[in-house]
C-alpha cells in the first residue's frame, strides 16, 4: 500500500496501489461508505462513483471525505451538521458529492471532528460543517452544509495546506506563515491568548521562523518549522506538547527532542 492512510475517531481508511479505497471499523453513521451501517473488522470497499478511483482520503470522527481521480470531492457518513457538504444535514452511507464553487476542484482535503476544509485549485480554502467556536473561518459561528470561503487571510496570499483538529483549524499559506481559527479554550490557536476566533489569526511562532508543516489534533497543534525544530501548543493534560510538563500553552513551545536531532 502507498503511505496514504488516515484514521478517524473509530474507523480507518486506506487507498490501495490500484487506487481503490477501503475502510473498516465503526460504521453507525455509514462512515465506511459501503452502503451499510454495519461495523466491519476487515476492510470493505467504498462505493465510489462508477469508473472513479481515489487520490486522497481523510477520516473525520464519524464521516469520511475523498478526492477522486477527476479532482471531484465526495464525503459520506454522519451529516447532521452539514459535514458532507452536499447541502443537506442527513447521514449517507454512500459517497455524495461536495458542492464546491462552480468551476473549481479540490487539491487537498482534511476532515475534522464535525467539519472539513479543502484547498481548491486556485489556492483558496473552503470549510463546511459544524461551526462552533468559528472553526469554519468565515467570520460566523453558523453551521454550513455547503463549503464557505475562509475569510480574513492576508490579501494576495494563497493556502498551501490545512489541518483540522476537533475544535479548530490551521493552515499554512504560500509565504510559509501559519494561521489558525476556531475554539481556543486551551490555547490551541497559538496566538498568546485564549480568545476564540471565527477568522484566521497568525500563530505566534518564534521570531524569524516559518512553518514547514502543521498537524492539528483534538485540542492542540504541532508544527515543524523551517529550521527543522518542532513546536506544539494548546492542551497538555497528558503531556501532548512534548516539552516536559502538563501545562496548557497558548503560544508554541519547543518539543524536547533528543539532543542534536
C-alpha atoms as a PDB file:
ATOM      1  CA  UNK A   1       0.000   0.000   0.000  1.00  0.00           C
ATOM      2  CA  UNK A   2       1.190   3.571  -0.606  1.00  0.00           C
ATOM      3  CA  UNK A   3       1.777   5.596   2.581  1.00  0.00           C
ATOM      4  CA  UNK A   4      -1.638   7.295   2.386  1.00  0.00           C
ATOM      5  CA  UNK A   5      -3.867   6.028   5.146  1.00  0.00           C
ATOM      6  CA  UNK A   6      -5.678   8.019   7.811  1.00  0.00           C
ATOM      7  CA  UNK A   7      -7.595   7.106  10.953  1.00  0.00           C
ATOM      8  CA  UNK A   8     -10.754   8.804  12.219  1.00  0.00           C
ATOM      9  CA  UNK A   9     -12.441   8.594  15.606  1.00  0.00           C
ATOM     10  CA  UNK A  10     -13.354   4.921  15.286  1.00  0.00           C
ATOM     11  CA  UNK A  11     -12.656   3.975  11.689  1.00  0.00           C
ATOM     12  CA  UNK A  12      -9.732   3.801   9.296  1.00  0.00           C
ATOM     13  CA  UNK A  13      -9.404   4.178   5.522  1.00  0.00           C
ATOM     14  CA  UNK A  14      -6.680   3.322   3.036  1.00  0.00           C
ATOM     15  CA  UNK A  15      -6.024   3.777  -0.675  1.00  0.00           C
ATOM     16  CA  UNK A  16      -4.559   0.683  -2.322  1.00  0.00           C
ATOM     17  CA  UNK A  17      -1.998   0.517  -5.119  1.00  0.00           C
ATOM     18  CA  UNK A  18      -4.801   0.218  -7.701  1.00  0.00           C
ATOM     19  CA  UNK A  19      -6.342   3.475  -6.333  1.00  0.00           C
ATOM     20  CA  UNK A  20      -9.320   1.614  -4.873  1.00  0.00           C
ATOM     21  CA  UNK A  21     -10.491   2.838  -1.469  1.00  0.00           C
ATOM     22  CA  UNK A  22     -11.231   0.644   1.549  1.00  0.00           C
ATOM     23  CA  UNK A  23     -12.442   1.500   5.074  1.00  0.00           C
ATOM     24  CA  UNK A  24     -13.039  -0.517   8.254  1.00  0.00           C
ATOM     25  CA  UNK A  25     -14.156  -0.109  11.868  1.00  0.00           C
ATOM     26  CA  UNK A  26     -17.178   1.691  13.345  1.00  0.00           C
ATOM     27  CA  UNK A  27     -19.961   2.345  10.836  1.00  0.00           C
ATOM     28  CA  UNK A  28     -23.075   3.520  12.693  1.00  0.00           C
ATOM     29  CA  UNK A  29     -23.354   6.646  10.518  1.00  0.00           C
ATOM     30  CA  UNK A  30     -22.254   4.965   7.289  1.00  0.00           C
ATOM     31  CA  UNK A  31     -18.693   6.295   7.501  1.00  0.00           C
ATOM     32  CA  UNK A  32     -17.266   3.183   5.793  1.00  0.00           C
ATOM     33  CA  UNK A  33     -19.044   4.206   2.591  1.00  0.00           C
ATOM     34  CA  UNK A  34     -20.151   0.728   1.549  1.00  0.00           C
ATOM     35  CA  UNK A  35     -23.896   1.432   1.579  1.00  0.00           C
ATOM     36  CA  UNK A  36     -24.459  -0.105   5.025  1.00  0.00           C
ATOM     37  CA  UNK A  37     -24.260   0.909   8.681  1.00  0.00           C
ATOM     38  CA  UNK A  38     -22.701  -2.395   9.742  1.00  0.00           C
ATOM     39  CA  UNK A  39     -19.377  -2.279  11.579  1.00  0.00           C
ATOM     40  CA  UNK A  40     -16.545  -4.176   9.904  1.00  0.00           C
ATOM     41  CA  UNK A  41     -13.363  -5.540  11.457  1.00  0.00           C
ATOM     42  CA  UNK A  42     -11.874  -6.066   7.999  1.00  0.00           C
ATOM     43  CA  UNK A  43     -11.593  -3.580   5.110  1.00  0.00           C
ATOM     44  CA  UNK A  44     -14.679  -3.070   2.921  1.00  0.00           C
ATOM     45  CA  UNK A  45     -14.572  -1.287  -0.414  1.00  0.00           C
ATOM     46  CA  UNK A  46     -16.026   2.209  -0.573  1.00  0.00           C
ATOM     47  CA  UNK A  47     -18.759   2.528  -3.215  1.00  0.00           C
ATOM     48  CA  UNK A  48     -17.197   5.294  -5.294  1.00  0.00           C
ATOM     49  CA  UNK A  49     -18.970   6.527  -8.432  1.00  0.00           C
ATOM     50  CA  UNK A  50     -18.611   4.143 -11.365  1.00  0.00           C
ATOM     51  CA  UNK A  51     -15.195   4.315 -13.026  1.00  0.00           C
ATOM     52  CA  UNK A  52     -13.716   6.630 -10.419  1.00  0.00           C
ATOM     53  CA  UNK A  53     -10.727   5.993  -8.166  1.00  0.00           C
ATOM     54  CA  UNK A  54      -9.346   7.779  -5.087  1.00  0.00           C
ATOM     55  CA  UNK A  55      -6.405  10.192  -4.948  1.00  0.00           C
ATOM     56  CA  UNK A  56      -6.553  11.092  -1.246  1.00  0.00           C
ATOM     57  CA  UNK A  57      -8.761  10.366   1.752  1.00  0.00           C
ATOM     58  CA  UNK A  58      -9.303  11.849   5.206  1.00  0.00           C
ATOM     59  CA  UNK A  59     -11.365  10.350   8.033  1.00  0.00           C
ATOM     60  CA  UNK A  60     -13.251  12.550  10.498  1.00  0.00           C
ATOM     61  CA  UNK A  61     -14.883  11.416  13.722  1.00  0.00           C
ATOM     62  CA  UNK A  62     -17.939   9.820  12.082  1.00  0.00           C
ATOM     63  CA  UNK A  63     -17.544  10.728   8.419  1.00  0.00           C
ATOM     64  CA  UNK A  64     -15.014  10.422   5.609  1.00  0.00           C
ATOM     65  CA  UNK A  65     -14.050  12.535   2.583  1.00  0.00           C
ATOM     66  CA  UNK A  66     -12.021  11.698  -0.516  1.00  0.00           C
ATOM     67  CA  UNK A  67     -10.698  13.458  -3.596  1.00  0.00           C
ATOM     68  CA  UNK A  68     -11.228  11.336  -6.696  1.00  0.00           C
ATOM     69  CA  UNK A  69      -9.111  10.982  -9.831  1.00  0.00           C
ATOM     70  CA  UNK A  70     -11.166  13.652 -11.656  1.00  0.00           C
ATOM     71  CA  UNK A  71     -10.498  16.094  -8.758  1.00  0.00           C
ATOM     72  CA  UNK A  72     -14.102  15.881  -7.587  1.00  0.00           C
ATOM     73  CA  UNK A  73     -14.703  15.699  -3.839  1.00  0.00           C
ATOM     74  CA  UNK A  74     -17.029  13.240  -2.097  1.00  0.00           C
ATOM     75  CA  UNK A  75     -17.969  12.712   1.573  1.00  0.00           C
ATOM     76  CA  UNK A  76     -20.049  10.107   3.415  1.00  0.00           C
ATOM     77  CA  UNK A  77     -21.161   9.153   6.927  1.00  0.00           C
ATOM     78  CA  UNK A  78     -22.578  11.485   9.554  1.00  0.00           C
ATOM     79  CA  UNK A  79     -24.062  14.666   8.119  1.00  0.00           C
ATOM     80  CA  UNK A  80     -26.174  16.203  10.886  1.00  0.00           C
ATOM     81  CA  UNK A  81     -24.039  19.349  11.000  1.00  0.00           C
ATOM     82  CA  UNK A  82     -23.689  19.611   7.235  1.00  0.00           C
ATOM     83  CA  UNK A  83     -20.263  17.942   7.214  1.00  0.00           C
ATOM     84  CA  UNK A  84     -20.975  16.038   3.981  1.00  0.00           C
ATOM     85  CA  UNK A  85     -21.054  19.364   2.121  1.00  0.00           C
ATOM     86  CA  UNK A  86     -23.920  18.415  -0.198  1.00  0.00           C
ATOM     87  CA  UNK A  87     -26.439  20.959   1.093  1.00  0.00           C
ATOM     88  CA  UNK A  88     -28.173  18.540   3.465  1.00  0.00           C
ATOM     89  CA  UNK A  89     -27.947  17.643   7.147  1.00  0.00           C
ATOM     90  CA  UNK A  90     -28.589  13.930   6.714  1.00  0.00           C
ATOM     91  CA  UNK A  91     -26.305  10.919   7.016  1.00  0.00           C
ATOM     92  CA  UNK A  92     -25.264   8.980   3.926  1.00  0.00           C
ATOM     93  CA  UNK A  93     -23.715   5.511   3.804  1.00  0.00           C
ATOM     94  CA  UNK A  94     -22.766   6.158   0.175  1.00  0.00           C
ATOM     95  CA  UNK A  95     -20.415   8.904  -1.055  1.00  0.00           C
ATOM     96  CA  UNK A  96     -22.167  12.164  -2.001  1.00  0.00           C
ATOM     97  CA  UNK A  97     -20.545  14.955  -3.982  1.00  0.00           C
ATOM     98  CA  UNK A  98     -19.477  18.095  -2.138  1.00  0.00           C
ATOM     99  CA  UNK A  99     -20.918  21.295  -3.626  1.00  0.00           C
ATOM    100  CA  UNK A 100     -17.670  23.106  -4.399  1.00  0.00           C
ATOM    101  CA  UNK A 101     -17.784  26.561  -6.022  1.00  0.00           C
ATOM    102  CA  UNK A 102     -18.615  26.323  -9.712  1.00  0.00           C
ATOM    103  CA  UNK A 103     -15.613  25.690 -11.928  1.00  0.00           C
ATOM    104  CA  UNK A 104     -13.278  24.697  -9.113  1.00  0.00           C
ATOM    105  CA  UNK A 105     -11.833  21.419  -7.877  1.00  0.00           C
ATOM    106  CA  UNK A 106     -10.116  20.327  -4.671  1.00  0.00           C
ATOM    107  CA  UNK A 107      -6.368  19.758  -4.376  1.00  0.00           C
ATOM    108  CA  UNK A 108      -6.391  18.659  -0.729  1.00  0.00           C
ATOM    109  CA  UNK A 109      -8.918  17.768   1.966  1.00  0.00           C
ATOM    110  CA  UNK A 110      -8.781  17.340   5.731  1.00  0.00           C
ATOM    111  CA  UNK A 111     -11.648  16.068   7.872  1.00  0.00           C
ATOM    112  CA  UNK A 112     -12.053  17.177  11.484  1.00  0.00           C
ATOM    113  CA  UNK A 113     -14.436  16.155  14.221  1.00  0.00           C
ATOM    114  CA  UNK A 114     -17.583  17.542  12.603  1.00  0.00           C
ATOM    115  CA  UNK A 115     -16.186  19.859   9.946  1.00  0.00           C
ATOM    116  CA  UNK A 116     -13.978  19.692   6.871  1.00  0.00           C
ATOM    117  CA  UNK A 117     -11.763  22.058   4.919  1.00  0.00           C
ATOM    118  CA  UNK A 118     -10.403  21.816   1.391  1.00  0.00           C
ATOM    119  CA  UNK A 119      -7.799  23.749  -0.564  1.00  0.00           C
ATOM    120  CA  UNK A 120      -9.110  24.468  -4.061  1.00  0.00           C
ATOM    121  CA  UNK A 121      -7.250  24.631  -7.359  1.00  0.00           C
ATOM    122  CA  UNK A 122      -6.961  28.439  -7.103  1.00  0.00           C
ATOM    123  CA  UNK A 123      -5.347  28.324  -3.642  1.00  0.00           C
ATOM    124  CA  UNK A 124      -8.443  29.368  -1.716  1.00  0.00           C
ATOM    125  CA  UNK A 125      -9.592  27.498   1.395  1.00  0.00           C
ATOM    126  CA  UNK A 126     -13.203  26.445   1.926  1.00  0.00           C
ATOM    127  CA  UNK A 127     -14.743  24.794   5.010  1.00  0.00           C
ATOM    128  CA  UNK A 128     -18.135  23.300   5.873  1.00  0.00           C
ATOM    129  CA  UNK A 129     -19.995  21.525   8.670  1.00  0.00           C
ATOM    130  CA  UNK A 130     -20.206  22.375  12.365  1.00  0.00           C
ATOM    131  CA  UNK A 131     -19.055  25.924  13.138  1.00  0.00           C
ATOM    132  CA  UNK A 132     -18.922  26.092  16.938  1.00  0.00           C
ATOM    133  CA  UNK A 133     -16.178  28.495  18.012  1.00  0.00           C
ATOM    134  CA  UNK A 134     -15.850  29.702  14.434  1.00  0.00           C
ATOM    135  CA  UNK A 135     -13.888  26.721  13.111  1.00  0.00           C
ATOM    136  CA  UNK A 136     -15.095  27.279   9.519  1.00  0.00           C
ATOM    137  CA  UNK A 137     -13.213  30.590   9.449  1.00  0.00           C
ATOM    138  CA  UNK A 138     -15.901  32.578   7.650  1.00  0.00           C
ATOM    139  CA  UNK A 139     -16.429  35.153  10.387  1.00  0.00           C
ATOM    140  CA  UNK A 140     -19.540  33.465  11.803  1.00  0.00           C
ATOM    141  CA  UNK A 141     -20.437  30.615  14.155  1.00  0.00           C
ATOM    142  CA  UNK A 142     -23.225  29.372  11.876  1.00  0.00           C
ATOM    143  CA  UNK A 143     -23.058  25.780  10.603  1.00  0.00           C
ATOM    144  CA  UNK A 144     -22.896  25.356   6.838  1.00  0.00           C
ATOM    145  CA  UNK A 145     -23.937  22.337   4.772  1.00  0.00           C
ATOM    146  CA  UNK A 146     -22.055  23.664   1.750  1.00  0.00           C
ATOM    147  CA  UNK A 147     -18.463  24.955   1.588  1.00  0.00           C
ATOM    148  CA  UNK A 148     -17.884  28.575   2.659  1.00  0.00           C
ATOM    149  CA  UNK A 149     -14.748  30.570   1.933  1.00  0.00           C
ATOM    150  CA  UNK A 150     -12.283  31.153   4.760  1.00  0.00           C
ATOM    151  CA  UNK A 151     -12.171  34.917   5.203  1.00  0.00           C
ATOM    152  CA  UNK A 152      -9.629  37.349   6.601  1.00  0.00           C
ATOM    153  CA  UNK A 153      -6.423  35.795   5.285  1.00  0.00           C
ATOM    154  CA  UNK A 154      -3.812  38.336   4.140  1.00  0.00           C
ATOM    155  CA  UNK A 155      -4.554  39.850   0.740  1.00  0.00           C
ATOM    156  CA  UNK A 156      -2.731  38.190  -2.123  1.00  0.00           C
ATOM    157  CA  UNK A 157      -1.850  35.061  -0.161  1.00  0.00           C
ATOM    158  CA  UNK A 158      -2.945  31.546  -1.090  1.00  0.00           C
ATOM    159  CA  UNK A 159      -3.376  28.455   1.069  1.00  0.00           C
ATOM    160  CA  UNK A 160      -0.924  25.569   0.735  1.00  0.00           C
ATOM    161  CA  UNK A 161      -2.313  23.115   3.287  1.00  0.00           C
ATOM    162  CA  UNK A 162      -4.933  22.799   6.027  1.00  0.00           C
ATOM    163  CA  UNK A 163      -5.087  20.612   9.127  1.00  0.00           C
ATOM    164  CA  UNK A 164      -8.163  20.206  11.298  1.00  0.00           C
ATOM    165  CA  UNK A 165      -8.478  19.455  14.978  1.00  0.00           C
ATOM    166  CA  UNK A 166     -11.766  18.566  16.574  1.00  0.00           C
ATOM    167  CA  UNK A 167     -12.459  22.181  17.534  1.00  0.00           C
ATOM    168  CA  UNK A 168     -10.082  24.314  15.463  1.00  0.00           C
ATOM    169  CA  UNK A 169      -8.409  24.619  12.068  1.00  0.00           C
ATOM    170  CA  UNK A 170      -4.886  25.588  10.991  1.00  0.00           C
ATOM    171  CA  UNK A 171      -3.454  26.480   7.588  1.00  0.00           C
ATOM    172  CA  UNK A 172      -0.053  27.208   6.061  1.00  0.00           C
ATOM    173  CA  UNK A 173      -0.010  29.956   3.431  1.00  0.00           C
ATOM    174  CA  UNK A 174       2.231  30.319   0.397  1.00  0.00           C
ATOM    175  CA  UNK A 175       4.647  32.557   2.333  1.00  0.00           C
ATOM    176  CA  UNK A 176       5.011  29.786   4.981  1.00  0.00           C
ATOM    177  CA  UNK A 177       3.091  31.799   7.568  1.00  0.00           C
ATOM    178  CA  UNK A 178       0.785  29.821   9.852  1.00  0.00           C
ATOM    179  CA  UNK A 179      -2.778  30.749  10.754  1.00  0.00           C
ATOM    180  CA  UNK A 180      -5.369  29.050  12.978  1.00  0.00           C
ATOM    181  CA  UNK A 181      -9.011  29.748  13.826  1.00  0.00           C
ATOM    182  CA  UNK A 182     -11.900  28.376  15.884  1.00  0.00           C
ATOM    183  CA  UNK A 183     -12.276  27.338  19.512  1.00  0.00           C
ATOM    184  CA  UNK A 184      -9.384  28.428  21.741  1.00  0.00           C
ATOM    185  CA  UNK A 185     -10.199  27.450  25.331  1.00  0.00           C
ATOM    186  CA  UNK A 186      -6.919  25.563  25.717  1.00  0.00           C
ATOM    187  CA  UNK A 187      -4.834  27.962  23.640  1.00  0.00           C
ATOM    188  CA  UNK A 188      -4.907  25.724  20.573  1.00  0.00           C
ATOM    189  CA  UNK A 189      -4.815  28.707  18.196  1.00  0.00           C
ATOM    190  CA  UNK A 190      -1.295  29.530  19.396  1.00  0.00           C
ATOM    191  CA  UNK A 191      -1.854  33.286  19.467  1.00  0.00           C
ATOM    192  CA  UNK A 192      -0.840  34.070  23.055  1.00  0.00           C
ATOM    193  CA  UNK A 193      -4.412  34.290  24.332  1.00  0.00           C
ATOM    194  CA  UNK A 194      -7.409  32.014  24.889  1.00  0.00           C
ATOM    195  CA  UNK A 195      -9.884  34.002  22.809  1.00  0.00           C
ATOM    196  CA  UNK A 196     -11.872  32.140  20.144  1.00  0.00           C
ATOM    197  CA  UNK A 197     -11.622  33.472  16.602  1.00  0.00           C
ATOM    198  CA  UNK A 198     -14.040  32.902  13.704  1.00  0.00           C
ATOM    199  CA  UNK A 199     -11.466  34.247  11.246  1.00  0.00           C
ATOM    200  CA  UNK A 200      -7.804  33.228  10.815  1.00  0.00           C
ATOM    201  CA  UNK A 201      -5.255  34.611  13.287  1.00  0.00           C
ATOM    202  CA  UNK A 202      -1.498  34.281  12.887  1.00  0.00           C
ATOM    203  CA  UNK A 203       0.253  31.773  15.153  1.00  0.00           C
ATOM    204  CA  UNK A 204       2.982  33.287  17.370  1.00  0.00           C
ATOM    205  CA  UNK A 205       5.931  31.304  16.002  1.00  0.00           C
ATOM    206  CA  UNK A 206       9.435  32.105  17.266  1.00  0.00           C
ATOM    207  CA  UNK A 207      10.837  35.306  15.739  1.00  0.00           C
ATOM    208  CA  UNK A 208      12.054  34.840  12.184  1.00  0.00           C
ATOM    209  CA  UNK A 209      10.691  31.319  11.858  1.00  0.00           C
ATOM    210  CA  UNK A 210       8.122  29.987   9.362  1.00  0.00           C
ATOM    211  CA  UNK A 211       6.121  26.765   9.163  1.00  0.00           C
ATOM    212  CA  UNK A 212       7.040  23.773   7.003  1.00  0.00           C
ATOM    213  CA  UNK A 213       4.127  21.572   8.135  1.00  0.00           C
ATOM    214  CA  UNK A 214       1.311  21.598  10.687  1.00  0.00           C
ATOM    215  CA  UNK A 215      -0.873  18.962  12.314  1.00  0.00           C
ATOM    216  CA  UNK A 216      -3.897  19.861  14.440  1.00  0.00           C
ATOM    217  CA  UNK A 217      -5.361  17.357  16.877  1.00  0.00           C
ATOM    218  CA  UNK A 218      -8.330  17.412  19.258  1.00  0.00           C
ATOM    219  CA  UNK A 219      -7.259  20.402  21.373  1.00  0.00           C
ATOM    220  CA  UNK A 220      -3.628  21.031  20.426  1.00  0.00           C
ATOM    221  CA  UNK A 221      -1.472  21.505  17.338  1.00  0.00           C
ATOM    222  CA  UNK A 222       2.156  20.966  16.344  1.00  0.00           C
ATOM    223  CA  UNK A 223       4.308  22.425  13.580  1.00  0.00           C
ATOM    224  CA  UNK A 224       7.692  21.630  12.077  1.00  0.00           C
ATOM    225  CA  UNK A 225       9.436  24.943  11.389  1.00  0.00           C
ATOM    226  CA  UNK A 226      11.817  25.963   8.617  1.00  0.00           C
ATOM    227  CA  UNK A 227      14.854  25.188  10.819  1.00  0.00           C
ATOM    228  CA  UNK A 228      13.508  21.636  11.461  1.00  0.00           C
ATOM    229  CA  UNK A 229      12.621  22.444  15.066  1.00  0.00           C
ATOM    230  CA  UNK A 230       9.278  21.188  16.380  1.00  0.00           C
ATOM    231  CA  UNK A 231       6.796  23.306  18.333  1.00  0.00           C
ATOM    232  CA  UNK A 232       3.403  22.481  19.889  1.00  0.00           C
ATOM    233  CA  UNK A 233       0.676  24.478  21.654  1.00  0.00           C
ATOM    234  CA  UNK A 234      -2.753  24.038  23.262  1.00  0.00           C
ATOM    235  CA  UNK A 235      -3.905  21.415  25.744  1.00  0.00           C
ATOM    236  CA  UNK A 236      -1.269  19.374  27.597  1.00  0.00           C
ATOM    237  CA  UNK A 237      -3.174  17.358  30.203  1.00  0.00           C
ATOM    238  CA  UNK A 238      -1.390  14.199  29.034  1.00  0.00           C
ATOM    239  CA  UNK A 239       1.870  15.830  28.054  1.00  0.00           C
ATOM    240  CA  UNK A 240       0.917  16.115  24.383  1.00  0.00           C
ATOM    241  CA  UNK A 241       3.026  19.262  23.901  1.00  0.00           C
ATOM    242  CA  UNK A 242       6.185  17.250  24.498  1.00  0.00           C
ATOM    243  CA  UNK A 243       8.013  19.933  26.481  1.00  0.00           C
ATOM    244  CA  UNK A 244       8.274  18.088  29.790  1.00  0.00           C
ATOM    245  CA  UNK A 245       5.261  19.415  31.697  1.00  0.00           C
ATOM    246  CA  UNK A 246       1.457  19.150  31.751  1.00  0.00           C
ATOM    247  CA  UNK A 247       0.647  22.856  31.397  1.00  0.00           C
ATOM    248  CA  UNK A 248      -1.598  24.177  28.634  1.00  0.00           C
ATOM    249  CA  UNK A 249       0.176  26.749  26.437  1.00  0.00           C
ATOM    250  CA  UNK A 250      -1.428  29.405  24.254  1.00  0.00           C
ATOM    251  CA  UNK A 251       1.850  30.079  22.429  1.00  0.00           C
ATOM    252  CA  UNK A 252       4.089  27.486  20.731  1.00  0.00           C
ATOM    253  CA  UNK A 253       6.672  25.734  22.923  1.00  0.00           C
ATOM    254  CA  UNK A 254       9.607  23.666  21.685  1.00  0.00           C
ATOM    255  CA  UNK A 255       9.277  19.892  21.869  1.00  0.00           C
ATOM    256  CA  UNK A 256      12.146  18.324  23.821  1.00  0.00           C
ATOM    257  CA  UNK A 257      13.658  16.236  21.030  1.00  0.00           C
ATOM    258  CA  UNK A 258      16.829  14.192  21.639  1.00  0.00           C
ATOM    259  CA  UNK A 259      19.975  16.324  21.672  1.00  0.00           C
ATOM    260  CA  UNK A 260      21.284  17.066  18.218  1.00  0.00           C
ATOM    261  CA  UNK A 261      18.253  15.675  16.443  1.00  0.00           C
END
